[in-house]
Amino acid sequence: MTSDLPALVRAAAAVLADAGIASPRPDAETLAAHVLGVDRLNLILPPPLPPGFAGAYAELVDRRRRREPLQHLTGRVTFRYLDLLVRPGVFVPRPETEVVAQVAIDAARGVARPLVVDLCTGAGGLALAVATEVPASRVWAIDRSREAVRLTTTNAARVGASPSVVVGDVRDPTLLGELTGRVDVVVSNPPYIPPDAVPVDPEVRDHDPELALYGGGPDGLAVPGAVIAAAARLLRPGGLLVMEHADVQGPRTRRLAAAGGAFTGVHTRPDLTGRDRMLVVTRAGTGCRGEPGAADGVGDY
């Protein structure tokens, strides 16, 4: 019997569009592929539908219509070259963070056997991107959430990486004390949302854990400030910190990094949409190597 898959996908996309989903057709196709157990959907030569497909597909489409995250429905997310597992209760890696990963990877590639620390690792996207794309690297992944640490450990085995994954609070001044002054790259996507800036998207507001969203303090920068302090302690002279933040937090994060005199080349870099989304700084001290394009002190952009 001829498959009705194309018609089902069109109907699902219409339902998702009416619900305000930003990418209704891709989401409808992804859900159909998930139910079929395939990585890619072929609608030109659609396969016969297995028994029960229509019901299972309709249930997932309805859950997506009610703004349950697509990644929670499929249990997976693509981050750079990795296929990672995701679970409710752990922050889902975002495409914009891939740019943060690239900066860390480029810096790590400039060192023979780099030591890299990912603070607030979540599902492990940043740590595992570095570990797999810079095979000589030695990577540590840290998170306060035990669920996140368990998931990162699972994802590491899934992608064939072997970072050191530990439970730890970035605000602890003794965290990774054995690595003090030895780390080549610190990378982080910490929680940074201010308490009064509740996310508009239901997928984020209702499903991402608050621990991974809200950065603490009136401006959301308590945890990012702790990341900066930890990096000042962990990095060797010339080591690099790259940290994601909100597009309105560039000036404040630069001031935090410049305040103690621990860093040079303090500047902000844009994401793929041109928004200021990451702090990049170099640890000052003997043997410091400057970051290309960055001047000493606080950057103006």
C-alpha atoms as a PDB file:
ATOM      1  CA  MET A   1       0.000   0.000   0.000  1.00  0.00           C
ATOM      2  CA  THR A   2       1.265   3.463  -0.847  1.00  0.00           C
ATOM      3  CA  SER A   3       2.659   5.279   2.169  1.00  0.00           C
ATOM      4  CA  ASP A   4       0.771   8.336   3.431  1.00  0.00           C
ATOM      5  CA  LEU A   5       3.898   9.685   5.102  1.00  0.00           C
ATOM      6  CA  PRO A   6       4.162  12.916   3.041  1.00  0.00           C
ATOM      7  CA  ALA A   7       0.551  13.772   3.813  1.00  0.00           C
ATOM      8  CA  LEU A   8       1.028  13.052   7.506  1.00  0.00           C
ATOM      9  CA  VAL A   9       4.124  15.237   7.646  1.00  0.00           C
ATOM     10  CA  ARG A  10       2.318  18.097   5.869  1.00  0.00           C
ATOM     11  CA  ALA A  11      -0.572  17.872   8.307  1.00  0.00           C
ATOM     12  CA  ALA A  12       1.792  17.774  11.277  1.00  0.00           C
ATOM     13  CA  ALA A  13       3.691  20.819  10.003  1.00  0.00           C
ATOM     14  CA  ALA A  14       0.410  22.727   9.698  1.00  0.00           C
ATOM     15  CA  VAL A  15      -0.492  21.858  13.301  1.00  0.00           C
ATOM     16  CA  LEU A  16       2.910  22.993  14.550  1.00  0.00           C
ATOM     17  CA  ALA A  17       2.765  26.206  12.521  1.00  0.00           C
ATOM     18  CA  ASP A  18      -0.621  27.052  14.047  1.00  0.00           C
ATOM     19  CA  ALA A  19       0.918  26.508  17.504  1.00  0.00           C
ATOM     20  CA  GLY A  20       3.633  29.090  16.794  1.00  0.00           C
ATOM     21  CA  ILE A  21       6.526  26.661  16.379  1.00  0.00           C
ATOM     22  CA  ALA A  22       9.372  28.507  14.633  1.00  0.00           C
ATOM     23  CA  SER A  23      10.410  25.564  12.425  1.00  0.00           C
ATOM     24  CA  PRO A  24       7.237  23.523  11.869  1.00  0.00           C
ATOM     25  CA  ARG A  25       8.273  21.542   8.788  1.00  0.00           C
ATOM     26  CA  PRO A  26      11.745  20.495  10.056  1.00  0.00           C
ATOM     27  CA  ASP A  27      10.238  19.572  13.417  1.00  0.00           C
ATOM     28  CA  ALA A  28       7.510  17.507  11.749  1.00  0.00           C
ATOM     29  CA  GLU A  29      10.098  15.669   9.648  1.00  0.00           C
ATOM     30  CA  THR A  30      12.401  15.094  12.635  1.00  0.00           C
ATOM     31  CA  LEU A  31       9.573  13.593  14.671  1.00  0.00           C
ATOM     32  CA  ALA A  32       8.540  11.325  11.803  1.00  0.00           C
ATOM     33  CA  ALA A  33      12.116  10.127  11.372  1.00  0.00           C
ATOM     34  CA  HIS A  34      12.331   9.477  15.110  1.00  0.00           C
ATOM     35  CA  VAL A  35       9.207   7.318  15.112  1.00  0.00           C
ATOM     36  CA  LEU A  36      10.503   5.413  12.067  1.00  0.00           C
ATOM     37  CA  GLY A  37      13.891   4.929  13.744  1.00  0.00           C
ATOM     38  CA  VAL A  38      15.865   6.551  10.912  1.00  0.00           C
ATOM     39  CA  ASP A  39      18.279   9.472  10.892  1.00  0.00           C
ATOM     40  CA  ARG A  40      16.937  11.093   7.752  1.00  0.00           C
ATOM     41  CA  LEU A  41      13.452  11.126   6.260  1.00  0.00           C
ATOM     42  CA  ASN A  42      12.973  10.254   2.581  1.00  0.00           C
ATOM     43  CA  LEU A  43       9.731  11.803   1.341  1.00  0.00           C
ATOM     44  CA  ILE A  44      10.534  11.277  -2.335  1.00  0.00           C
ATOM     45  CA  LEU A  45      10.521   7.501  -1.915  1.00  0.00           C
ATOM     46  CA  PRO A  46       8.700   7.196   1.416  1.00  0.00           C
ATOM     47  CA  PRO A  47       8.861   3.867   3.206  1.00  0.00           C
ATOM     48  CA  PRO A  48       5.784   1.831   4.104  1.00  0.00           C
ATOM     49  CA  LEU A  49       4.479   2.891   7.482  1.00  0.00           C
ATOM     50  CA  PRO A  50       4.770   0.315  10.259  1.00  0.00           C
ATOM     51  CA  PRO A  51       1.731  -0.593  12.361  1.00  0.00           C
ATOM     52  CA  GLY A  52       0.968   2.041  14.958  1.00  0.00           C
ATOM     53  CA  PHE A  53       2.997   4.775  13.263  1.00  0.00           C
ATOM     54  CA  ALA A  54       0.116   7.245  12.859  1.00  0.00           C
ATOM     55  CA  GLY A  55      -0.866   7.085  16.518  1.00  0.00           C
ATOM     56  CA  ALA A  56       2.683   7.352  17.844  1.00  0.00           C
ATOM     57  CA  TYR A  57       3.429  10.214  15.467  1.00  0.00           C
ATOM     58  CA  ALA A  58       0.253  12.094  16.392  1.00  0.00           C
ATOM     59  CA  GLU A  59       1.126  11.831  20.089  1.00  0.00           C
ATOM     60  CA  LEU A  60       4.600  13.334  19.564  1.00  0.00           C
ATOM     61  CA  VAL A  61       3.248  16.092  17.327  1.00  0.00           C
ATOM     62  CA  ASP A  62       0.702  17.001  19.992  1.00  0.00           C
ATOM     63  CA  ARG A  63       3.411  17.154  22.651  1.00  0.00           C
ATOM     64  CA  ARG A  64       5.497  19.394  20.404  1.00  0.00           C
ATOM     65  CA  ARG A  65       2.404  21.529  19.741  1.00  0.00           C
ATOM     66  CA  ARG A  66       2.219  22.060  23.489  1.00  0.00           C
ATOM     67  CA  ARG A  67       5.837  23.321  23.310  1.00  0.00           C
ATOM     68  CA  GLU A  68       7.678  20.372  24.745  1.00  0.00           C
ATOM     69  CA  PRO A  69      11.239  20.721  23.395  1.00  0.00           C
ATOM     70  CA  LEU A  70      11.938  18.772  20.223  1.00  0.00           C
ATOM     71  CA  GLN A  71      15.161  17.467  21.768  1.00  0.00           C
ATOM     72  CA  HIS A  72      13.282  16.028  24.743  1.00  0.00           C
ATOM     73  CA  LEU A  73      10.904  14.233  22.391  1.00  0.00           C
ATOM     74  CA  THR A  74      13.689  12.638  20.364  1.00  0.00           C
ATOM     75  CA  GLY A  75      16.177  12.367  23.241  1.00  0.00           C
ATOM     76  CA  ARG A  76      18.976  13.689  21.033  1.00  0.00           C
ATOM     77  CA  VAL A  77      20.625  16.881  19.844  1.00  0.00           C
ATOM     78  CA  THR A  78      23.305  17.606  17.268  1.00  0.00           C
ATOM     79  CA  PHE A  79      26.151  19.778  18.566  1.00  0.00           C
ATOM     80  CA  ARG A  80      28.856  20.466  15.992  1.00  0.00           C
ATOM     81  CA  TYR A  81      29.869  16.963  14.820  1.00  0.00           C
ATOM     82  CA  LEU A  82      28.374  15.151  17.785  1.00  0.00           C
ATOM     83  CA  ASP A  83      25.086  13.336  18.312  1.00  0.00           C
ATOM     84  CA  LEU A  84      24.398  13.787  22.017  1.00  0.00           C
ATOM     85  CA  LEU A  85      21.732  12.417  24.304  1.00  0.00           C
ATOM     86  CA  VAL A  86      19.584  14.929  26.179  1.00  0.00           C
ATOM     87  CA  ARG A  87      17.233  14.461  29.117  1.00  0.00           C
ATOM     88  CA  PRO A  88      14.738  16.591  31.016  1.00  0.00           C
ATOM     89  CA  GLY A  89      16.498  18.234  33.936  1.00  0.00           C
ATOM     90  CA  VAL A  90      19.702  18.982  32.014  1.00  0.00           C
ATOM     91  CA  PHE A  91      20.264  22.053  29.827  1.00  0.00           C
ATOM     92  CA  VAL A  92      19.976  21.327  26.093  1.00  0.00           C
ATOM     93  CA  PRO A  93      23.044  22.482  24.077  1.00  0.00           C
ATOM     94  CA  ARG A  94      22.218  25.321  21.674  1.00  0.00           C
ATOM     95  CA  PRO A  95      23.564  25.978  18.152  1.00  0.00           C
ATOM     96  CA  GLU A  96      24.917  29.405  19.129  1.00  0.00           C
ATOM     97  CA  THR A  97      27.236  27.787  21.663  1.00  0.00           C
ATOM     98  CA  GLU A  98      29.014  26.026  18.799  1.00  0.00           C
ATOM     99  CA  VAL A  99      30.808  29.329  18.138  1.00  0.00           C
ATOM    100  CA  VAL A 100      32.076  29.361  21.728  1.00  0.00           C
ATOM    101  CA  ALA A 101      33.329  25.831  21.172  1.00  0.00           C
ATOM    102  CA  GLN A 102      35.214  26.924  18.059  1.00  0.00           C
ATOM    103  CA  VAL A 103      37.145  29.603  19.943  1.00  0.00           C
ATOM    104  CA  ALA A 104      38.142  27.077  22.609  1.00  0.00           C
ATOM    105  CA  ILE A 105      39.087  24.473  19.990  1.00  0.00           C
ATOM    106  CA  ASP A 106      41.218  26.943  18.043  1.00  0.00           C
ATOM    107  CA  ALA A 107      43.075  27.927  21.229  1.00  0.00           C
ATOM    108  CA  ALA A 108      43.565  24.308  22.272  1.00  0.00           C
ATOM    109  CA  ARG A 109      44.970  23.404  18.861  1.00  0.00           C
ATOM    110  CA  GLY A 110      47.748  25.922  19.444  1.00  0.00           C
ATOM    111  CA  VAL A 111      49.124  23.856  22.357  1.00  0.00           C
ATOM    112  CA  ALA A 112      50.939  20.534  22.005  1.00  0.00           C
ATOM    113  CA  ARG A 113      48.962  18.692  24.709  1.00  0.00           C
ATOM    114  CA  PRO A 114      46.370  21.151  25.962  1.00  0.00           C
ATOM    115  CA  LEU A 115      44.661  20.994  29.325  1.00  0.00           C
ATOM    116  CA  VAL A 116      41.079  22.257  28.955  1.00  0.00           C
ATOM    117  CA  VAL A 117      38.394  22.812  31.594  1.00  0.00           C
ATOM    118  CA  ASP A 118      34.689  23.160  30.799  1.00  0.00           C
ATOM    119  CA  LEU A 119      32.889  24.836  33.700  1.00  0.00           C
ATOM    120  CA  CYS A 120      29.090  24.351  33.962  1.00  0.00           C
ATOM    121  CA  THR A 121      29.230  21.599  31.335  1.00  0.00           C
ATOM    122  CA  GLY A 122      25.542  20.612  31.215  1.00  0.00           C
ATOM    123  CA  ALA A 123      25.125  17.775  28.722  1.00  0.00           C
ATOM    124  CA  GLY A 124      28.844  18.022  27.903  1.00  0.00           C
ATOM    125  CA  GLY A 125      28.696  19.693  24.490  1.00  0.00           C
ATOM    126  CA  LEU A 126      31.680  22.015  24.927  1.00  0.00           C
ATOM    127  CA  ALA A 127      33.879  19.496  26.712  1.00  0.00           C
ATOM    128  CA  LEU A 128      33.169  16.727  24.221  1.00  0.00           C
ATOM    129  CA  ALA A 129      33.597  18.989  21.197  1.00  0.00           C
ATOM    130  CA  VAL A 130      37.105  19.857  22.416  1.00  0.00           C
ATOM    131  CA  ALA A 131      37.892  16.263  23.368  1.00  0.00           C
ATOM    132  CA  THR A 132      36.885  14.881  19.955  1.00  0.00           C
ATOM    133  CA  GLU A 133      38.179  17.691  17.736  1.00  0.00           C
ATOM    134  CA  VAL A 134      41.481  18.121  19.596  1.00  0.00           C
ATOM    135  CA  PRO A 135      42.461  14.492  20.234  1.00  0.00           C
ATOM    136  CA  ALA A 136      45.620  15.433  22.141  1.00  0.00           C
ATOM    137  CA  SER A 137      43.653  17.427  24.690  1.00  0.00           C
ATOM    138  CA  ARG A 138      43.102  16.501  28.319  1.00  0.00           C
ATOM    139  CA  VAL A 139      39.619  17.695  29.229  1.00  0.00           C
ATOM    140  CA  TRP A 140      37.850  18.226  32.535  1.00  0.00           C
ATOM    141  CA  ALA A 141      34.072  18.750  32.614  1.00  0.00           C
ATOM    142  CA  ILE A 142      32.522  20.219  35.758  1.00  0.00           C
ATOM    143  CA  ASP A 143      28.917  20.775  36.769  1.00  0.00           C
ATOM    144  CA  ARG A 144      27.049  21.380  39.998  1.00  0.00           C
ATOM    145  CA  SER A 145      24.206  19.112  38.847  1.00  0.00           C
ATOM    146  CA  ARG A 146      24.677  15.382  39.399  1.00  0.00           C
ATOM    147  CA  GLU A 147      22.175  14.742  36.595  1.00  0.00           C
ATOM    148  CA  ALA A 148      24.324  16.774  34.222  1.00  0.00           C
ATOM    149  CA  VAL A 149      27.475  14.919  35.281  1.00  0.00           C
ATOM    150  CA  ARG A 150      25.789  11.563  34.723  1.00  0.00           C
ATOM    151  CA  LEU A 151      24.562  12.635  31.295  1.00  0.00           C
ATOM    152  CA  THR A 152      27.965  14.018  30.274  1.00  0.00           C
ATOM    153  CA  THR A 153      29.576  10.742  31.330  1.00  0.00           C
ATOM    154  CA  THR A 154      27.067   8.837  29.191  1.00  0.00           C
ATOM    155  CA  ASN A 155      27.628  11.152  26.234  1.00  0.00           C
ATOM    156  CA  ALA A 156      31.399  10.830  26.568  1.00  0.00           C
ATOM    157  CA  ALA A 157      31.142   7.056  26.198  1.00  0.00           C
ATOM    158  CA  ARG A 158      28.721   7.546  23.303  1.00  0.00           C
ATOM    159  CA  VAL A 159      31.197   9.667  21.294  1.00  0.00           C
ATOM    160  CA  GLY A 160      34.318   7.756  22.332  1.00  0.00           C
ATOM    161  CA  ALA A 161      35.835  10.470  24.521  1.00  0.00           C
ATOM    162  CA  SER A 162      37.278  10.129  28.021  1.00  0.00           C
ATOM    163  CA  PRO A 163      37.213  13.483  29.836  1.00  0.00           C
ATOM    164  CA  SER A 164      37.398  13.709  33.605  1.00  0.00           C
ATOM    165  CA  VAL A 165      33.797  14.484  34.598  1.00  0.00           C
ATOM    166  CA  VAL A 166      33.176  15.615  38.168  1.00  0.00           C
ATOM    167  CA  VAL A 167      30.535  17.242  40.322  1.00  0.00           C
ATOM    168  CA  GLY A 168      31.704  20.662  41.431  1.00  0.00           C
ATOM    169  CA  ASP A 169      30.492  24.179  42.154  1.00  0.00           C
ATOM    170  CA  VAL A 170      32.293  26.892  40.220  1.00  0.00           C
ATOM    171  CA  ARG A 171      31.827  29.190  43.219  1.00  0.00           C
ATOM    172  CA  ASP A 172      34.045  26.920  45.339  1.00  0.00           C
ATOM    173  CA  PRO A 173      37.504  28.573  45.541  1.00  0.00           C
ATOM    174  CA  THR A 174      39.127  25.156  46.017  1.00  0.00           C
ATOM    175  CA  LEU A 175      37.560  23.637  42.884  1.00  0.00           C
ATOM    176  CA  LEU A 176      40.193  21.737  40.855  1.00  0.00           C
ATOM    177  CA  GLY A 177      42.907  23.011  43.156  1.00  0.00           C
ATOM    178  CA  GLU A 178      45.352  20.497  41.680  1.00  0.00           C
ATOM    179  CA  LEU A 179      45.068  22.289  38.318  1.00  0.00           C
ATOM    180  CA  THR A 180      45.803  25.795  39.610  1.00  0.00           C
ATOM    181  CA  GLY A 181      47.972  27.708  37.147  1.00  0.00           C
ATOM    182  CA  ARG A 182      48.202  24.765  34.728  1.00  0.00           C
ATOM    183  CA  VAL A 183      45.153  25.051  32.467  1.00  0.00           C
ATOM    184  CA  ASP A 184      45.527  26.181  28.855  1.00  0.00           C
ATOM    185  CA  VAL A 185      41.850  26.882  28.074  1.00  0.00           C
ATOM    186  CA  VAL A 186      38.792  27.445  30.248  1.00  0.00           C
ATOM    187  CA  VAL A 187      35.493  27.363  28.356  1.00  0.00           C
ATOM    188  CA  SER A 188      32.058  27.903  29.830  1.00  0.00           C
ATOM    189  CA  ASN A 189      28.398  28.407  29.037  1.00  0.00           C
ATOM    190  CA  PRO A 190      27.249  29.253  32.564  1.00  0.00           C
ATOM    191  CA  PRO A 191      23.766  30.268  33.696  1.00  0.00           C
ATOM    192  CA  TYR A 192      23.494  34.025  33.166  1.00  0.00           C
ATOM    193  CA  ILE A 193      19.828  35.055  32.934  1.00  0.00           C
ATOM    194  CA  PRO A 194      18.868  37.826  35.410  1.00  0.00           C
ATOM    195  CA  PRO A 195      16.060  36.978  37.849  1.00  0.00           C
ATOM    196  CA  ASP A 196      13.587  39.378  36.217  1.00  0.00           C
ATOM    197  CA  ALA A 197      14.274  38.225  32.622  1.00  0.00           C
ATOM    198  CA  VAL A 198      12.107  35.121  32.484  1.00  0.00           C
ATOM    199  CA  PRO A 199      12.524  33.489  29.038  1.00  0.00           C
ATOM    200  CA  VAL A 200       9.619  33.985  26.632  1.00  0.00           C
ATOM    201  CA  ASP A 201       9.925  30.634  24.847  1.00  0.00           C
ATOM    202  CA  PRO A 202       7.987  27.920  26.725  1.00  0.00           C
ATOM    203  CA  GLU A 203      10.606  25.355  25.664  1.00  0.00           C
ATOM    204  CA  VAL A 204      13.182  27.222  27.748  1.00  0.00           C
ATOM    205  CA  ARG A 205      11.016  28.691  30.497  1.00  0.00           C
ATOM    206  CA  ASP A 206       9.106  25.517  31.310  1.00  0.00           C
ATOM    207  CA  HIS A 207      11.616  22.787  30.524  1.00  0.00           C
ATOM    208  CA  ASP A 208      15.227  23.892  31.054  1.00  0.00           C
ATOM    209  CA  PRO A 209      16.304  23.595  34.710  1.00  0.00           C
ATOM    210  CA  GLU A 210      16.447  26.879  36.622  1.00  0.00           C
ATOM    211  CA  LEU A 211      19.910  25.903  37.875  1.00  0.00           C
ATOM    212  CA  ALA A 212      21.171  26.111  34.288  1.00  0.00           C
ATOM    213  CA  LEU A 213      19.332  29.331  33.396  1.00  0.00           C
ATOM    214  CA  TYR A 214      19.530  31.923  36.162  1.00  0.00           C
ATOM    215  CA  GLY A 215      22.983  33.256  36.968  1.00  0.00           C
ATOM    216  CA  GLY A 216      22.234  34.724  40.374  1.00  0.00           C
ATOM    217  CA  GLY A 217      22.472  38.290  41.639  1.00  0.00           C
ATOM    218  CA  PRO A 218      20.457  41.225  40.334  1.00  0.00           C
ATOM    219  CA  ASP A 219      22.113  41.131  36.911  1.00  0.00           C
ATOM    220  CA  GLY A 220      22.458  37.359  36.472  1.00  0.00           C
ATOM    221  CA  LEU A 221      26.244  37.557  36.642  1.00  0.00           C
ATOM    222  CA  ALA A 222      27.008  35.937  40.000  1.00  0.00           C
ATOM    223  CA  VAL A 223      27.870  32.581  38.418  1.00  0.00           C
ATOM    224  CA  PRO A 224      29.631  34.105  35.370  1.00  0.00           C
ATOM    225  CA  GLY A 225      31.656  36.203  37.828  1.00  0.00           C
ATOM    226  CA  ALA A 226      32.610  33.003  39.634  1.00  0.00           C
ATOM    227  CA  VAL A 227      33.664  31.488  36.289  1.00  0.00           C
ATOM    228  CA  ILE A 228      35.924  34.476  35.670  1.00  0.00           C
ATOM    229  CA  ALA A 229      37.434  34.131  39.150  1.00  0.00           C
ATOM    230  CA  ALA A 230      37.976  30.402  38.701  1.00  0.00           C
ATOM    231  CA  ALA A 231      39.630  30.969  35.324  1.00  0.00           C
ATOM    232  CA  ALA A 232      41.974  33.560  36.864  1.00  0.00           C
ATOM    233  CA  ARG A 233      43.100  30.897  39.320  1.00  0.00           C
ATOM    234  CA  LEU A 234      43.226  27.893  36.977  1.00  0.00           C
ATOM    235  CA  LEU A 235      44.766  29.353  33.826  1.00  0.00           C
ATOM    236  CA  ARG A 236      48.485  29.490  33.227  1.00  0.00           C
ATOM    237  CA  PRO A 237      49.928  32.779  31.955  1.00  0.00           C
ATOM    238  CA  GLY A 238      48.794  33.079  28.329  1.00  0.00           C
ATOM    239  CA  GLY A 239      45.878  30.709  28.860  1.00  0.00           C
ATOM    240  CA  LEU A 240      42.499  31.623  27.384  1.00  0.00           C
ATOM    241  CA  LEU A 241      39.017  31.985  28.869  1.00  0.00           C
ATOM    242  CA  VAL A 242      36.001  31.993  26.551  1.00  0.00           C
ATOM    243  CA  MET A 243      32.606  32.363  28.221  1.00  0.00           C
ATOM    244  CA  GLU A 244      29.136  32.721  26.755  1.00  0.00           C
ATOM    245  CA  HIS A 245      26.833  35.444  28.073  1.00  0.00           C
ATOM    246  CA  ALA A 246      23.679  37.337  27.102  1.00  0.00           C
ATOM    247  CA  ASP A 247      23.990  39.917  24.338  1.00  0.00           C
ATOM    248  CA  VAL A 248      23.432  42.779  26.819  1.00  0.00           C
ATOM    249  CA  GLN A 249      26.108  41.615  29.265  1.00  0.00           C
ATOM    250  CA  GLY A 250      29.245  42.362  27.245  1.00  0.00           C
ATOM    251  CA  PRO A 251      30.281  45.603  28.989  1.00  0.00           C
ATOM    252  CA  ARG A 252      29.639  44.219  32.456  1.00  0.00           C
ATOM    253  CA  THR A 253      31.534  40.946  31.870  1.00  0.00           C
ATOM    254  CA  ARG A 254      34.474  42.894  30.447  1.00  0.00           C
ATOM    255  CA  ARG A 255      34.552  45.061  33.573  1.00  0.00           C
ATOM    256  CA  LEU A 256      34.437  41.966  35.788  1.00  0.00           C
ATOM    257  CA  ALA A 257      37.353  40.413  33.889  1.00  0.00           C
ATOM    258  CA  ALA A 258      39.428  43.599  33.901  1.00  0.00           C
ATOM    259  CA  ALA A 259      38.800  44.504  37.540  1.00  0.00           C
ATOM    260  CA  GLY A 260      41.356  42.255  39.196  1.00  0.00           C
ATOM    261  CA  GLY A 261      44.176  42.740  36.717  1.00  0.00           C
ATOM    262  CA  ALA A 262      44.425  38.986  36.103  1.00  0.00           C
ATOM    263  CA  PHE A 263      43.591  39.224  32.404  1.00  0.00           C
ATOM    264  CA  THR A 264      44.750  41.029  29.313  1.00  0.00           C
ATOM    265  CA  GLY A 265      43.198  41.254  25.861  1.00  0.00           C
ATOM    266  CA  VAL A 266      39.735  41.588  27.374  1.00  0.00           C
ATOM    267  CA  HIS A 267      37.165  41.714  24.589  1.00  0.00           C
ATOM    268  CA  THR A 268      33.775  40.537  23.393  1.00  0.00           C
ATOM    269  CA  ARG A 269      33.064  38.450  20.312  1.00  0.00           C
ATOM    270  CA  PRO A 270      29.825  38.034  18.348  1.00  0.00           C
ATOM    271  CA  ASP A 271      27.800  34.926  17.644  1.00  0.00           C
ATOM    272  CA  LEU A 272      26.642  33.867  14.174  1.00  0.00           C
ATOM    273  CA  THR A 273      23.901  36.529  14.212  1.00  0.00           C
ATOM    274  CA  GLY A 274      26.364  39.318  15.005  1.00  0.00           C
ATOM    275  CA  ARG A 275      25.244  39.739  18.622  1.00  0.00           C
ATOM    276  CA  ASP A 276      27.852  40.159  21.373  1.00  0.00           C
ATOM    277  CA  ARG A 277      27.695  36.760  23.054  1.00  0.00           C
ATOM    278  CA  MET A 278      31.064  35.753  24.465  1.00  0.00           C
ATOM    279  CA  LEU A 279      33.822  37.117  26.646  1.00  0.00           C
ATOM    280  CA  VAL A 280      37.347  36.214  25.506  1.00  0.00           C
ATOM    281  CA  VAL A 281      40.332  37.044  27.723  1.00  0.00           C
ATOM    282  CA  THR A 282      43.951  35.961  28.136  1.00  0.00           C
ATOM    283  CA  ARG A 283      45.557  35.227  31.511  1.00  0.00           C
ATOM    284  CA  ALA A 284      48.184  37.847  32.221  1.00  0.00           C
ATOM    285  CA  GLY A 285      51.634  37.080  33.527  1.00  0.00           C
ATOM    286  CA  THR A 286      55.085  36.031  32.405  1.00  0.00           C
ATOM    287  CA  GLY A 287      54.933  34.264  29.083  1.00  0.00           C
ATOM    288  CA  CYS A 288      51.515  35.688  28.197  1.00  0.00           C
ATOM    289  CA  ARG A 289      50.670  35.315  24.549  1.00  0.00           C
ATOM    290  CA  GLY A 290      48.246  37.912  23.262  1.00  0.00           C
ATOM    291  CA  GLU A 291      45.005  37.024  21.534  1.00  0.00           C
ATOM    292  CA  PRO A 292      45.006  38.105  17.858  1.00  0.00           C
ATOM    293  CA  GLY A 293      43.011  41.250  17.331  1.00  0.00           C
ATOM    294  CA  ALA A 294      42.632  42.018  21.048  1.00  0.00           C
ATOM    295  CA  ALA A 295      44.185  45.011  22.725  1.00  0.00           C
ATOM    296  CA  ASP A 296      45.281  45.147  26.330  1.00  0.00           C
ATOM    297  CA  GLY A 297      42.623  46.249  28.768  1.00  0.00           C
ATOM    298  CA  VAL A 298      38.868  46.365  28.151  1.00  0.00           C
ATOM    299  CA  GLY A 299      37.703  46.097  24.551  1.00  0.00           C
ATOM    300  CA  ASP A 300      35.312  48.696  23.121  1.00  0.00           C
ATOM    301  CA  TYR A 301      33.209  46.270  21.089  1.00  0.00           C
END
